[in-house]
Amino acid sequence: MSDTPPDRLCASPDSPFYNEELLSRGVGVRFKGEEKTTVEEYCVSEGWVRLSVGKTMDRKGRPMTLKVTGPVEVWFKDDNADA
């Protein structure tokens, strides 16, 4: 398996960018220098993340999100455990 996370990843199983195997490894996301834990989707090359907004759900039961732009860094969390 690759040591670098994909350019784009989504936590929703309905998305074409969903990958359960990669999500099970644990992916850390740093946005504008601050680690975020509420990221639903990210794209490194386009420089944006979708953050869930509280516990609010849309009419289909998915978390409401807010798309914000800026520098995005990602890494696999399981790599830090080995170090």
N, C-alpha and C. Protein backbone atom coordinates (compact mmCIF):
# COMPACT_ATOMS: atom_id res chain seq x y z
N MET A 1 0.84 -1.18 0.00
CA MET A 1 0.00 0.00 0.00
C MET A 1 0.89 1.24 0.00
N SER A 2 0.43 2.27 -0.63
CA SER A 2 1.19 3.52 -0.75
C SER A 2 1.31 4.22 0.60
N ASP A 3 2.40 4.96 0.78
CA ASP A 3 2.61 5.72 2.01
C ASP A 3 2.07 7.13 1.92
N THR A 4 1.57 7.53 0.76
CA THR A 4 1.00 8.87 0.60
C THR A 4 -0.51 8.75 0.38
N PRO A 5 -1.28 9.57 1.09
CA PRO A 5 -2.73 9.56 0.90
C PRO A 5 -3.11 10.06 -0.49
N PRO A 6 -4.30 9.75 -0.96
CA PRO A 6 -4.74 10.21 -2.28
C PRO A 6 -4.96 11.72 -2.29
N ASP A 7 -4.98 12.28 -3.50
CA ASP A 7 -5.20 13.72 -3.67
C ASP A 7 -6.57 14.12 -3.16
N ARG A 8 -7.56 13.24 -3.31
CA ARG A 8 -8.92 13.55 -2.90
C ARG A 8 -9.53 12.33 -2.23
N LEU A 9 -10.23 12.53 -1.12
CA LEU A 9 -10.84 11.45 -0.37
C LEU A 9 -12.10 11.96 0.30
N CYS A 10 -13.12 11.10 0.35
CA CYS A 10 -14.40 11.47 0.94
C CYS A 10 -14.85 10.40 1.93
N ALA A 11 -15.51 10.81 2.99
CA ALA A 11 -15.98 9.88 4.02
C ALA A 11 -17.37 9.31 3.70
N SER A 12 -18.04 9.83 2.68
CA SER A 12 -19.38 9.36 2.32
C SER A 12 -19.31 8.19 1.35
N PRO A 13 -19.95 7.06 1.68
CA PRO A 13 -19.93 5.89 0.79
C PRO A 13 -20.57 6.14 -0.58
N ASP A 14 -21.37 7.18 -0.71
CA ASP A 14 -22.03 7.49 -1.98
C ASP A 14 -21.09 8.17 -2.97
N SER A 15 -19.95 8.68 -2.50
CA SER A 15 -19.03 9.44 -3.33
C SER A 15 -18.11 8.52 -4.14
N PRO A 16 -17.75 8.91 -5.36
CA PRO A 16 -16.77 8.13 -6.13
C PRO A 16 -15.36 8.23 -5.53
N PHE A 17 -15.13 9.16 -4.60
CA PHE A 17 -13.82 9.33 -3.96
C PHE A 17 -13.75 8.63 -2.60
N TYR A 18 -14.73 7.79 -2.29
CA TYR A 18 -14.76 7.04 -1.04
C TYR A 18 -13.86 5.81 -1.16
N ASN A 19 -13.04 5.55 -0.13
CA ASN A 19 -12.19 4.37 -0.11
C ASN A 19 -12.12 3.89 1.34
N GLU A 20 -12.87 2.82 1.64
CA GLU A 20 -12.97 2.33 3.01
C GLU A 20 -11.62 1.86 3.55
N GLU A 21 -10.81 1.24 2.70
CA GLU A 21 -9.51 0.73 3.12
C GLU A 21 -8.60 1.86 3.60
N LEU A 22 -8.57 2.96 2.86
CA LEU A 22 -7.73 4.10 3.25
C LEU A 22 -8.26 4.79 4.50
N LEU A 23 -9.58 4.90 4.61
CA LEU A 23 -10.17 5.54 5.78
C LEU A 23 -9.92 4.73 7.04
N SER A 24 -9.87 3.41 6.91
CA SER A 24 -9.62 2.56 8.08
C SER A 24 -8.20 2.73 8.60
N ARG A 25 -7.27 3.14 7.75
CA ARG A 25 -5.89 3.42 8.19
C ARG A 25 -5.82 4.68 9.05
N GLY A 26 -6.77 5.57 8.86
CA GLY A 26 -6.77 6.84 9.58
C GLY A 26 -6.01 7.89 8.79
N VAL A 27 -6.69 8.93 8.41
CA VAL A 27 -6.09 10.01 7.63
C VAL A 27 -6.17 11.29 8.44
N GLY A 28 -5.01 11.92 8.67
CA GLY A 28 -4.96 13.19 9.36
C GLY A 28 -5.01 14.32 8.35
N VAL A 29 -5.72 15.39 8.68
CA VAL A 29 -5.84 16.54 7.78
C VAL A 29 -5.48 17.81 8.53
N ARG A 30 -4.55 18.56 7.97
CA ARG A 30 -4.18 19.86 8.51
C ARG A 30 -4.61 20.90 7.49
N PHE A 31 -5.45 21.84 7.95
CA PHE A 31 -5.97 22.89 7.08
C PHE A 31 -5.54 24.24 7.65
N LYS A 32 -4.82 25.01 6.84
CA LYS A 32 -4.28 26.31 7.25
C LYS A 32 -3.45 26.17 8.53
N GLY A 33 -2.68 25.07 8.62
CA GLY A 33 -1.78 24.88 9.75
C GLY A 33 -2.42 24.33 11.00
N GLU A 34 -3.71 24.04 10.99
CA GLU A 34 -4.42 23.54 12.17
C GLU A 34 -5.04 22.18 11.85
N GLU A 35 -4.80 21.19 12.71
CA GLU A 35 -5.36 19.85 12.47
C GLU A 35 -6.87 19.88 12.68
N LYS A 36 -7.60 19.34 11.70
CA LYS A 36 -9.06 19.32 11.75
C LYS A 36 -9.54 17.89 11.94
N THR A 37 -10.57 17.70 12.74
CA THR A 37 -11.13 16.36 12.97
C THR A 37 -12.52 16.20 12.39
N THR A 38 -13.10 17.27 11.85
CA THR A 38 -14.47 17.21 11.32
C THR A 38 -14.50 17.24 9.80
N VAL A 39 -13.43 16.78 9.15
CA VAL A 39 -13.35 16.82 7.69
C VAL A 39 -14.15 15.67 7.09
N GLU A 40 -15.08 16.00 6.20
CA GLU A 40 -15.87 14.99 5.49
C GLU A 40 -15.24 14.66 4.14
N GLU A 41 -14.57 15.62 3.52
CA GLU A 41 -13.95 15.43 2.21
C GLU A 41 -12.84 16.46 2.06
N TYR A 42 -11.80 16.11 1.30
CA TYR A 42 -10.72 17.05 1.03
C TYR A 42 -10.20 16.86 -0.38
N CYS A 43 -9.54 17.89 -0.91
CA CYS A 43 -8.84 17.83 -2.18
C CYS A 43 -7.58 18.68 -2.04
N VAL A 44 -6.42 18.02 -2.07
CA VAL A 44 -5.15 18.72 -1.88
C VAL A 44 -4.82 19.61 -3.07
N SER A 45 -4.97 19.08 -4.31
CA SER A 45 -4.58 19.84 -5.50
C SER A 45 -5.43 21.09 -5.70
N GLU A 46 -6.71 21.04 -5.35
CA GLU A 46 -7.58 22.21 -5.50
C GLU A 46 -7.57 23.09 -4.26
N GLY A 47 -7.03 22.59 -3.14
CA GLY A 47 -6.90 23.37 -1.92
C GLY A 47 -8.20 23.67 -1.21
N TRP A 48 -9.00 22.64 -0.91
CA TRP A 48 -10.23 22.84 -0.17
C TRP A 48 -10.56 21.63 0.71
N VAL A 49 -11.38 21.87 1.73
CA VAL A 49 -11.91 20.81 2.58
C VAL A 49 -13.39 21.07 2.81
N ARG A 50 -14.12 20.01 3.06
CA ARG A 50 -15.53 20.12 3.48
C ARG A 50 -15.58 19.72 4.94
N LEU A 51 -15.98 20.66 5.78
CA LEU A 51 -16.06 20.44 7.22
C LEU A 51 -17.52 20.27 7.63
N SER A 52 -17.79 19.30 8.49
CA SER A 52 -19.16 19.14 8.97
C SER A 52 -19.48 20.29 9.93
N VAL A 53 -20.73 20.72 9.88
CA VAL A 53 -21.18 21.87 10.66
C VAL A 53 -22.00 21.35 11.84
N GLY A 54 -21.35 21.22 12.98
CA GLY A 54 -22.04 20.74 14.18
C GLY A 54 -22.61 19.35 13.98
N LYS A 55 -23.78 19.12 14.57
CA LYS A 55 -24.45 17.82 14.45
C LYS A 55 -25.63 17.89 13.49
N THR A 56 -25.73 18.97 12.73
CA THR A 56 -26.84 19.19 11.81
C THR A 56 -26.76 18.22 10.65
N MET A 57 -27.91 17.65 10.27
CA MET A 57 -28.00 16.71 9.16
C MET A 57 -28.87 17.29 8.06
N ASP A 58 -28.59 16.87 6.81
CA ASP A 58 -29.46 17.28 5.71
C ASP A 58 -30.65 16.33 5.65
N ARG A 59 -31.51 16.50 4.68
CA ARG A 59 -32.75 15.70 4.61
C ARG A 59 -32.50 14.24 4.29
N LYS A 60 -31.28 13.90 3.82
CA LYS A 60 -30.94 12.51 3.53
C LYS A 60 -30.14 11.88 4.65
N GLY A 61 -29.97 12.58 5.77
CA GLY A 61 -29.29 12.03 6.93
C GLY A 61 -27.78 12.16 6.90
N ARG A 62 -27.25 12.94 5.97
CA ARG A 62 -25.80 13.16 5.89
C ARG A 62 -25.47 14.45 6.63
N PRO A 63 -24.25 14.56 7.15
CA PRO A 63 -23.87 15.80 7.85
C PRO A 63 -23.88 17.01 6.92
N MET A 64 -24.35 18.15 7.44
CA MET A 64 -24.26 19.40 6.69
C MET A 64 -22.81 19.81 6.66
N THR A 65 -22.34 20.30 5.51
CA THR A 65 -20.93 20.65 5.37
C THR A 65 -20.75 22.06 4.87
N LEU A 66 -19.56 22.57 5.10
CA LEU A 66 -19.15 23.89 4.64
C LEU A 66 -17.84 23.71 3.90
N LYS A 67 -17.77 24.18 2.65
CA LYS A 67 -16.55 24.05 1.85
C LYS A 67 -15.72 25.31 2.04
N VAL A 68 -14.46 25.10 2.49
CA VAL A 68 -13.55 26.23 2.70
C VAL A 68 -12.25 25.96 1.95
N THR A 69 -11.62 27.03 1.48
CA THR A 69 -10.41 26.89 0.68
C THR A 69 -9.19 27.38 1.45
N GLY A 70 -8.05 26.78 1.11
CA GLY A 70 -6.79 27.13 1.73
C GLY A 70 -5.82 25.97 1.59
N PRO A 71 -4.61 26.11 2.14
CA PRO A 71 -3.62 25.03 2.04
C PRO A 71 -4.04 23.81 2.84
N VAL A 72 -3.92 22.62 2.22
CA VAL A 72 -4.33 21.36 2.83
C VAL A 72 -3.13 20.41 2.87
N GLU A 73 -2.88 19.80 4.03
CA GLU A 73 -1.86 18.76 4.17
C GLU A 73 -2.54 17.51 4.71
N VAL A 74 -2.18 16.34 4.18
CA VAL A 74 -2.76 15.09 4.66
C VAL A 74 -1.66 14.06 4.92
N TRP A 75 -1.93 13.14 5.84
CA TRP A 75 -1.00 12.06 6.17
C TRP A 75 -1.78 10.89 6.75
N PHE A 76 -1.16 9.72 6.74
CA PHE A 76 -1.77 8.56 7.37
C PHE A 76 -1.40 8.55 8.84
N LYS A 77 -2.38 8.41 9.72
CA LYS A 77 -2.13 8.44 11.15
C LYS A 77 -1.38 7.20 11.63
N ASP A 78 -1.54 6.07 10.97
CA ASP A 78 -0.87 4.85 11.42
C ASP A 78 0.64 4.92 11.21
N ASP A 79 1.13 5.82 10.34
CA ASP A 79 2.57 6.00 10.15
C ASP A 79 3.19 6.62 11.40
N ASN A 80 2.46 7.48 12.10
CA ASN A 80 3.00 8.11 13.31
C ASN A 80 3.16 7.11 14.44
N ALA A 81 2.34 6.08 14.47
CA ALA A 81 2.42 5.08 15.54
C ALA A 81 3.68 4.24 15.41
N ASP A 82 4.18 4.05 14.18
CA ASP A 82 5.38 3.25 13.95
C ASP A 82 6.64 4.02 14.29
N ALA A 83 6.58 5.34 14.26
CA ALA A 83 7.78 6.17 14.46
C ALA A 83 8.18 6.25 15.92
